[in-house]
Amino acid sequence: MYPCPCGFFSDTERDCTCSHQTVTRYQKRISGPMLDRIDIHIEVPRVDFEKLSDNRRGESSNDIRTKVETARQKQRERFAGLKNGR
């Protein structure tokens, strides 16, 4: 959820154009019972466009598949002695 309608309430690089009343009204749009179900609230800082658009390649699908298969095999070994997963 954005902190305010313009999205720059706690931004370090751009100023928020919203009034305090507008920010308060915007944040109250989510009801109390809904907020009670959210356990963790963190602010995530802005990520520079250059970092997002970097041409570096991530891991290949085959490398990820190998890691997942290894993790699944370890889990099978860990639960091998249990009946019906209990």
C-alpha atoms as a PDB file:
ATOM      1  CA  MET A   1       0.000   0.000   0.000  1.00  0.00           C
ATOM      2  CA  TYR A   2       1.285   3.432  -0.822  1.00  0.00           C
ATOM      3  CA  PRO A   3       1.697   5.734   2.194  1.00  0.00           C
ATOM      4  CA  CYS A   4      -0.348   8.491   0.510  1.00  0.00           C
ATOM      5  CA  PRO A   5      -2.153   9.231  -2.786  1.00  0.00           C
ATOM      6  CA  CYS A   6       0.957  10.654  -4.490  1.00  0.00           C
ATOM      7  CA  GLY A   7       3.170   7.838  -3.145  1.00  0.00           C
ATOM      8  CA  PHE A   8       6.003  10.041  -1.876  1.00  0.00           C
ATOM      9  CA  PHE A   9       5.051  10.502   1.814  1.00  0.00           C
ATOM     10  CA  SER A  10       8.278   9.051   3.269  1.00  0.00           C
ATOM     11  CA  ASP A  11      10.435   9.291   0.142  1.00  0.00           C
ATOM     12  CA  THR A  12      13.930  10.686   0.637  1.00  0.00           C
ATOM     13  CA  GLU A  13      14.293  11.998  -2.932  1.00  0.00           C
ATOM     14  CA  ARG A  14      10.914  13.568  -3.700  1.00  0.00           C
ATOM     15  CA  ASP A  15       8.596  15.675  -1.603  1.00  0.00           C
ATOM     16  CA  CYS A  16       5.058  14.568  -0.855  1.00  0.00           C
ATOM     17  CA  THR A  17       2.441  16.912  -2.313  1.00  0.00           C
ATOM     18  CA  CYS A  18      -0.371  15.688  -0.054  1.00  0.00           C
ATOM     19  CA  SER A  19      -1.653  17.562   2.961  1.00  0.00           C
ATOM     20  CA  HIS A  20      -1.545  15.936   6.393  1.00  0.00           C
ATOM     21  CA  GLN A  21      -5.341  15.583   6.305  1.00  0.00           C
ATOM     22  CA  THR A  22      -5.212  13.877   2.893  1.00  0.00           C
ATOM     23  CA  VAL A  23      -2.562  11.412   4.107  1.00  0.00           C
ATOM     24  CA  THR A  24      -4.583  10.591   7.226  1.00  0.00           C
ATOM     25  CA  ARG A  25      -7.787  10.083   5.236  1.00  0.00           C
ATOM     26  CA  TYR A  26      -5.951   7.919   2.680  1.00  0.00           C
ATOM     27  CA  GLN A  27      -4.404   5.693   5.358  1.00  0.00           C
ATOM     28  CA  LYS A  28      -7.773   5.230   7.072  1.00  0.00           C
ATOM     29  CA  ARG A  29      -9.206   3.689   3.908  1.00  0.00           C
ATOM     30  CA  ILE A  30      -8.084   0.292   5.180  1.00  0.00           C
ATOM     31  CA  SER A  31     -10.330  -0.719   8.021  1.00  0.00           C
ATOM     32  CA  GLY A  32      -9.049  -1.552  11.497  1.00  0.00           C
ATOM     33  CA  PRO A  33     -10.040  -5.251  11.326  1.00  0.00           C
ATOM     34  CA  MET A  34      -8.096  -5.592   8.073  1.00  0.00           C
ATOM     35  CA  LEU A  35      -5.014  -3.920   9.574  1.00  0.00           C
ATOM     36  CA  ASP A  36      -5.288  -6.234  12.598  1.00  0.00           C
ATOM     37  CA  ARG A  37      -4.658  -9.185  10.278  1.00  0.00           C
ATOM     38  CA  ILE A  38      -1.397  -7.715   8.991  1.00  0.00           C
ATOM     39  CA  ASP A  39       1.377  -8.697  11.395  1.00  0.00           C
ATOM     40  CA  ILE A  40       4.355  -6.919   9.877  1.00  0.00           C
ATOM     41  CA  HIS A  41       4.492  -3.342   8.638  1.00  0.00           C
ATOM     42  CA  ILE A  42       7.730  -2.233   7.009  1.00  0.00           C
ATOM     43  CA  GLU A  43       8.708   0.664   4.818  1.00  0.00           C
ATOM     44  CA  VAL A  44      10.599  -0.300   1.703  1.00  0.00           C
ATOM     45  CA  PRO A  45      12.953   2.340   0.319  1.00  0.00           C
ATOM     46  CA  ARG A  46      12.991   3.364  -3.297  1.00  0.00           C
ATOM     47  CA  VAL A  47      15.124   1.299  -5.697  1.00  0.00           C
ATOM     48  CA  ASP A  48      16.989   3.229  -8.378  1.00  0.00           C
ATOM     49  CA  PHE A  49      15.841   2.617 -11.928  1.00  0.00           C
ATOM     50  CA  GLU A  50      19.412   1.763 -12.938  1.00  0.00           C
ATOM     51  CA  LYS A  51      19.446  -1.163 -10.526  1.00  0.00           C
ATOM     52  CA  LEU A  52      16.095  -2.436 -11.777  1.00  0.00           C
ATOM     53  CA  SER A  53      17.024  -2.135 -15.436  1.00  0.00           C
ATOM     54  CA  ASP A  54      20.488  -3.654 -15.054  1.00  0.00           C
ATOM     55  CA  ASN A  55      21.397  -6.113 -17.793  1.00  0.00           C
ATOM     56  CA  ARG A  56      22.808  -8.664 -15.362  1.00  0.00           C
ATOM     57  CA  ARG A  57      21.274 -12.047 -15.739  1.00  0.00           C
ATOM     58  CA  GLY A  58      19.935 -14.003 -12.803  1.00  0.00           C
ATOM     59  CA  GLU A  59      20.249 -17.711 -12.256  1.00  0.00           C
ATOM     60  CA  SER A  60      19.260 -19.985 -15.091  1.00  0.00           C
ATOM     61  CA  SER A  61      16.132 -22.117 -14.849  1.00  0.00           C
ATOM     62  CA  ASN A  62      18.268 -25.262 -14.775  1.00  0.00           C
ATOM     63  CA  ASP A  63      20.265 -24.005 -11.791  1.00  0.00           C
ATOM     64  CA  ILE A  64      17.069 -23.172  -9.921  1.00  0.00           C
ATOM     65  CA  ARG A  65      15.559 -26.547 -10.845  1.00  0.00           C
ATOM     66  CA  THR A  66      18.628 -28.305  -9.422  1.00  0.00           C
ATOM     67  CA  LYS A  67      18.326 -26.367  -6.143  1.00  0.00           C
ATOM     68  CA  VAL A  68      14.610 -27.178  -5.857  1.00  0.00           C
ATOM     69  CA  GLU A  69      15.174 -30.874  -6.563  1.00  0.00           C
ATOM     70  CA  THR A  70      17.958 -30.978  -3.963  1.00  0.00           C
ATOM     71  CA  ALA A  71      15.707 -29.321  -1.362  1.00  0.00           C
ATOM     72  CA  ARG A  72      12.856 -31.735  -2.139  1.00  0.00           C
ATOM     73  CA  GLN A  73      15.162 -34.727  -1.791  1.00  0.00           C
ATOM     74  CA  LYS A  74      16.404 -33.465   1.592  1.00  0.00           C
ATOM     75  CA  GLN A  75      12.802 -33.067   2.721  1.00  0.00           C
ATOM     76  CA  ARG A  76      11.925 -36.605   1.591  1.00  0.00           C
ATOM     77  CA  GLU A  77      14.876 -37.949   3.582  1.00  0.00           C
ATOM     78  CA  ARG A  78      13.912 -35.882   6.620  1.00  0.00           C
ATOM     79  CA  PHE A  79      10.326 -37.191   6.643  1.00  0.00           C
ATOM     80  CA  ALA A  80      11.067 -40.732   5.435  1.00  0.00           C
ATOM     81  CA  GLY A  81      10.402 -42.359   8.821  1.00  0.00           C
ATOM     82  CA  LEU A  82       7.018 -40.724   9.349  1.00  0.00           C
ATOM     83  CA  LYS A  83       3.714 -42.237   8.258  1.00  0.00           C
ATOM     84  CA  ASN A  84       1.331 -40.052   6.229  1.00  0.00           C
ATOM     85  CA  GLY A  85       3.509 -37.000   6.814  1.00  0.00           C
ATOM     86  CA  ARG A  86       2.838 -36.962  10.585  1.00  0.00           C
END
